[in-house]
């Protein structure tokens, strides 16, 4: 059994979200802020909404990259204690971390669901672009659900979870 973590739907969805963040959001920020700088300093005609659009796009790129970083163990973590603990303790600690990630992901997803209801009720919008903020909260909530599924998959894996050679260490 390859385990719950190798679910192709979650894996594919996290790859798609990562690609959107890396290949659409980040270049869009670069182009937008470059155009704003050129217009601001050479023509005294800044793009009024550029900073807000860049901030929202950066938020989306970070949120969309999160599931793939969890799935591929590319997140930064402190592994300086791993050599000092036994294998069983290390695996138990890794499972505790995945349980905490699951709890946090579930909390974020539930809070986003509640926030979206209020945001729609009060028609909350961004200040410059007048974008409905509920969509961005929905992106965060959907990503939290995906992260929760991935952490659940890591929890039920039969093979050891702790692999200190993966991920960047502090």
Protein backbone atom coordinates (compact mmCIF):
# COMPACT_ATOMS: atom_id res chain seq x y z
CA UNK A 1 0.00 0.00 0.00
CA UNK A 2 1.53 3.30 -1.07
CA UNK A 3 -0.42 5.18 1.55
CA UNK A 4 -3.03 7.87 1.75
CA UNK A 5 -0.44 10.60 1.02
CA UNK A 6 -0.08 9.56 -2.59
CA UNK A 7 -3.64 10.51 -3.46
CA UNK A 8 -3.34 11.68 -7.02
CA UNK A 9 -6.13 14.26 -6.75
CA UNK A 10 -4.53 16.09 -3.81
CA UNK A 11 -1.10 15.81 -5.38
CA UNK A 12 -2.31 17.13 -8.74
CA UNK A 13 -4.28 19.95 -7.12
CA UNK A 14 -1.28 21.03 -5.08
CA UNK A 15 0.86 21.02 -8.25
CA UNK A 16 -1.71 23.14 -10.08
CA UNK A 17 -1.91 25.64 -7.22
CA UNK A 18 1.89 25.81 -7.05
CA UNK A 19 2.09 26.44 -10.79
CA UNK A 20 -0.48 29.23 -10.55
CA UNK A 21 1.48 30.85 -7.72
CA UNK A 22 4.90 30.44 -9.33
CA UNK A 23 4.15 30.98 -13.00
CA UNK A 24 1.24 33.42 -12.92
CA UNK A 25 1.19 35.33 -9.62
CA UNK A 26 4.90 36.07 -9.20
CA UNK A 27 5.49 37.22 -12.82
CA UNK A 28 2.32 39.33 -12.60
CA UNK A 29 3.73 41.08 -9.52
CA UNK A 30 7.02 41.71 -11.33
CA UNK A 31 5.32 43.16 -14.42
CA UNK A 32 2.85 45.25 -12.42
CA UNK A 33 5.40 46.78 -10.06
CA UNK A 34 7.88 47.38 -12.90
CA UNK A 35 5.22 49.22 -14.89
CA UNK A 36 4.24 51.19 -11.80
CA UNK A 37 7.85 52.25 -11.14
CA UNK A 38 8.38 53.32 -14.75
CA UNK A 39 5.12 55.25 -14.87
CA UNK A 40 5.70 56.79 -11.45
CA UNK A 41 9.26 58.02 -11.93
CA UNK A 42 9.43 58.79 -15.62
CA UNK A 43 5.91 60.01 -16.34
CA UNK A 44 4.61 61.01 -12.87
CA UNK A 45 1.60 58.78 -13.50
CA UNK A 46 1.62 55.93 -10.96
CA UNK A 47 -0.83 53.08 -11.10
CA UNK A 48 -3.01 53.90 -8.11
CA UNK A 49 -4.01 50.32 -7.33
CA UNK A 50 -0.63 48.66 -8.04
CA UNK A 51 0.42 48.19 -4.41
CA UNK A 52 -2.88 46.62 -3.42
CA UNK A 53 -2.90 44.34 -6.45
CA UNK A 54 0.69 43.27 -5.75
CA UNK A 55 -0.13 42.57 -2.09
CA UNK A 56 -3.17 40.47 -2.98
CA UNK A 57 -1.23 38.58 -5.65
CA UNK A 58 1.66 37.92 -3.26
CA UNK A 59 -0.81 36.59 -0.69
CA UNK A 60 -2.25 34.22 -3.30
CA UNK A 61 1.18 33.02 -4.43
CA UNK A 62 2.19 32.18 -0.85
CA UNK A 63 -1.10 30.44 -0.06
CA UNK A 64 -1.03 28.46 -3.30
CA UNK A 65 2.55 27.27 -2.70
CA UNK A 66 1.84 25.98 0.82
CA UNK A 67 0.32 22.55 -0.01
CA UNK A 68 3.15 21.65 -2.36
CA UNK A 69 5.76 22.65 0.21
CA UNK A 70 4.10 20.35 2.78
CA UNK A 71 3.73 17.54 0.26
CA UNK A 72 7.35 17.70 -0.91
CA UNK A 73 8.86 18.41 2.54
CA UNK A 74 10.33 21.63 1.16
CA UNK A 75 9.35 23.71 4.17
CA UNK A 76 11.94 25.04 6.59
CA UNK A 77 12.15 23.16 9.86
CA UNK A 78 14.59 22.77 12.70
CA UNK A 79 16.23 19.34 12.52
CA UNK A 80 19.05 19.97 14.96
CA UNK A 81 17.40 17.74 17.59
CA UNK A 82 16.74 14.80 15.24
CA UNK A 83 20.19 13.19 15.68
CA UNK A 84 19.79 13.32 19.47
CA UNK A 85 16.50 11.44 19.63
CA UNK A 86 15.76 7.84 18.94
CA UNK A 87 13.91 6.78 15.82
CA UNK A 88 10.65 6.02 17.65
CA UNK A 89 10.67 9.38 19.44
CA UNK A 90 11.46 11.18 16.18
CA UNK A 91 8.58 9.46 14.40
CA UNK A 92 6.20 10.23 17.27
CA UNK A 93 7.27 13.87 17.23
CA UNK A 94 6.82 14.06 13.46
CA UNK A 95 3.32 12.59 13.78
CA UNK A 96 2.53 15.15 16.50
CA UNK A 97 3.61 17.93 14.15
CA UNK A 98 1.36 16.58 11.38
CA UNK A 99 -1.49 16.37 13.89
CA UNK A 100 -0.91 20.02 14.80
CA UNK A 101 -0.85 20.96 11.11
CA UNK A 102 -4.15 19.10 10.67
CA UNK A 103 -5.68 20.95 13.65
CA UNK A 104 -4.44 24.32 12.41
CA UNK A 105 -5.63 23.64 8.87
CA UNK A 106 -9.07 22.63 10.13
CA UNK A 107 -9.27 25.74 12.33
CA UNK A 108 -8.32 28.01 9.42
CA UNK A 109 -10.84 26.30 7.11
CA UNK A 110 -13.69 26.65 9.61
CA UNK A 111 -12.81 30.28 10.37
CA UNK A 112 -12.63 31.09 6.66
CA UNK A 113 -16.06 29.55 6.13
CA UNK A 114 -17.49 31.72 8.91
CA UNK A 115 -15.67 34.82 7.67
CA UNK A 116 -16.90 34.34 4.12
CA UNK A 117 -20.49 34.41 5.30
CA UNK A 118 -19.94 37.76 7.04
CA UNK A 119 -17.90 39.19 4.19
CA UNK A 120 -20.68 38.42 1.73
CA UNK A 121 -23.31 39.79 4.12
CA UNK A 122 -21.45 43.08 4.58
CA UNK A 123 -20.15 43.17 0.99
CA UNK A 124 -16.53 43.62 2.11
CA UNK A 125 -14.28 44.78 -0.70
CA UNK A 126 -10.67 45.85 -1.10
CA UNK A 127 -10.10 49.59 -0.92
CA UNK A 128 -8.52 50.35 -4.32
CA UNK A 129 -9.68 47.53 -6.58
CA UNK A 130 -13.07 46.96 -4.96
CA UNK A 131 -12.53 43.20 -5.21
CA UNK A 132 -14.76 41.02 -3.02
CA UNK A 133 -12.54 39.87 -0.15
CA UNK A 134 -14.57 36.71 0.31
CA UNK A 135 -12.84 35.17 -2.72
CA UNK A 136 -9.42 35.55 -1.14
CA UNK A 137 -10.69 34.10 2.12
CA UNK A 138 -12.11 31.24 0.06
CA UNK A 139 -8.69 30.63 -1.51
CA UNK A 140 -7.15 30.50 1.96
CA UNK A 141 -9.89 28.18 3.24
CA UNK A 142 -9.64 25.86 0.24
CA UNK A 143 -5.89 25.67 0.60
CA UNK A 144 -6.29 24.97 4.32
CA UNK A 145 -8.59 22.05 3.47
CA UNK A 146 -5.98 20.71 1.03
CA UNK A 147 -3.22 21.11 3.65
CA UNK A 148 -5.44 19.30 6.14
CA UNK A 149 -5.92 16.40 3.75
CA UNK A 150 -2.18 16.22 3.10
CA UNK A 151 -1.39 16.25 6.83
CA UNK A 152 -4.01 13.56 7.42
CA UNK A 153 -2.31 11.54 4.71
CA UNK A 154 1.06 11.97 6.42
CA UNK A 155 -0.50 10.85 9.72
CA UNK A 156 -1.86 7.57 8.39
CA UNK A 157 1.20 6.58 6.39
CA UNK A 158 2.56 3.19 7.37
CA UNK A 159 6.18 4.10 6.70
CA UNK A 160 8.10 6.50 8.94
CA UNK A 161 7.20 10.15 8.61
CA UNK A 162 10.37 11.76 9.95
CA UNK A 163 13.05 12.12 7.28
CA UNK A 164 15.60 14.67 8.43
CA UNK A 165 17.34 14.72 5.06
CA UNK A 166 14.26 16.30 3.42
CA UNK A 167 13.41 19.96 3.80
CA UNK A 168 15.68 22.83 4.64
CA UNK A 169 17.10 22.70 8.15
CA UNK A 170 17.80 25.60 10.41
